[in-house]
Structures are given as structure tokens and as C-alpha cells.
Amino acid sequence: MIEGTADGRPWASYAVTVREATDGGTVVDLELRPTRRLDLRRLPQGRVAERYYGDVLAAQGYEVVERSVSTAR
């Protein structure tokens, strides 16, 4: 578990699992667990971040094989 903060306040925790893939590569499962609500003014920023998420990881040498986003609490 990784705990994140913003301005010294808890922001979210991340559950991370690393495992070996069948092809010998590495699979990293990352689950974000927000600990506080976001300001509505952050929604456009979140939409842009969602759009380029895979591209940003690809630029760093990672491949997003599967991604799911849930708004459920």
C-alpha cells in the first residue's frame, strides 16, 4: 500500500501488485483508492489526464494492456 498526500493532507492510497506475466514480462496492477473528494473544478483536468494516460506510460516504456475506471464508491 502506498499513501499519497497533497499539501501535507492525505489524498489517496494505492494498492499495488507486481507479478510475472506468462510471456516472462512483468504485470503491475495499480488500484487508486481516493481518501478525499475532488473539487468539481478538477473534472476537466481529470478528463485530459484520462485521455493521455496510456501515451504518458508508453513514453516511459510501459504498455497499458487493460484499464478499467469505476466511479463507484
Protein backbone atom coordinates (compact mmCIF):
# COMPACT_ATOMS: atom_id res chain seq x y z
CA MET A 1 0.00 0.00 0.00
CA ILE A 2 1.30 3.42 -0.94
CA GLU A 3 -0.15 6.50 0.78
CA GLY A 4 -0.20 9.77 -1.17
CA THR A 5 -0.52 13.30 0.20
CA ALA A 6 -1.07 16.74 -1.27
CA ASP A 7 -0.06 19.80 0.72
CA GLY A 8 0.53 17.54 3.72
CA ARG A 9 -3.03 16.17 3.68
CA PRO A 10 -3.99 12.59 2.77
CA TRP A 11 -5.08 12.40 -0.87
CA ALA A 12 -5.26 8.72 -1.83
CA SER A 13 -3.83 5.31 -1.25
CA TYR A 14 -2.69 2.94 -3.95
CA ALA A 15 -2.85 -0.85 -3.77
CA VAL A 16 -0.02 -2.23 -5.93
CA THR A 17 0.52 -5.83 -7.02
CA VAL A 18 3.51 -6.88 -9.13
CA ARG A 19 3.51 -10.30 -10.81
CA GLU A 20 5.21 -12.16 -13.62
CA ALA A 21 3.33 -12.40 -16.91
CA THR A 22 3.07 -15.64 -18.86
CA ASP A 23 5.41 -14.22 -21.51
CA GLY A 24 8.13 -13.54 -18.92
CA GLY A 25 7.33 -9.83 -18.61
CA THR A 26 6.06 -8.04 -15.54
CA VAL A 27 2.48 -7.04 -14.80
CA VAL A 28 1.78 -4.20 -12.37
CA ASP A 29 -1.77 -3.89 -11.09
CA LEU A 30 -2.45 -0.47 -9.57
CA GLU A 31 -5.66 0.47 -7.80
CA LEU A 32 -6.28 4.06 -6.73
CA ARG A 33 -8.34 4.46 -3.57
CA PRO A 34 -9.16 8.16 -3.08
CA THR A 35 -9.38 9.31 0.51
CA ARG A 36 -10.93 12.71 -0.14
CA ARG A 37 -13.38 14.19 -2.59
CA LEU A 38 -12.15 16.21 -5.55
CA ASP A 39 -13.23 19.73 -6.36
CA LEU A 40 -15.54 19.91 -9.40
CA ARG A 41 -13.11 22.36 -11.00
CA ARG A 42 -10.69 19.41 -11.33
CA LEU A 43 -13.01 17.44 -13.66
CA PRO A 44 -11.63 18.89 -16.94
CA GLN A 45 -8.08 18.18 -15.74
CA GLY A 46 -9.10 14.59 -14.96
CA ARG A 47 -10.61 14.11 -18.42
CA VAL A 48 -7.40 15.27 -20.10
CA ALA A 49 -5.30 13.06 -17.84
CA GLU A 50 -7.52 10.07 -18.65
CA ARG A 51 -7.14 10.68 -22.39
CA TYR A 52 -3.33 10.73 -22.31
CA TYR A 53 -2.74 8.17 -19.53
CA GLY A 54 -1.61 5.39 -21.91
CA ASP A 55 0.52 7.76 -24.00
CA VAL A 56 2.37 9.02 -20.94
CA LEU A 57 3.14 5.49 -19.77
CA ALA A 58 4.18 4.44 -23.30
CA ALA A 59 6.65 7.33 -23.44
CA GLN A 60 8.24 5.85 -20.33
CA GLY A 61 8.45 2.37 -21.87
CA TYR A 62 5.30 0.85 -20.35
CA GLU A 63 2.34 -0.74 -22.10
CA VAL A 64 -1.22 -0.48 -20.80
CA VAL A 65 -2.78 -3.85 -21.58
CA GLU A 66 -6.04 -3.38 -19.73
CA ARG A 67 -7.51 -0.46 -17.88
CA SER A 68 -10.83 0.00 -16.18
CA VAL A 69 -12.20 3.07 -14.46
CA SER A 70 -15.03 2.99 -11.98
CA THR A 71 -16.82 5.89 -10.36
CA ALA A 72 -18.41 3.60 -7.79
CA ARG A 73 -17.60 4.21 -4.15
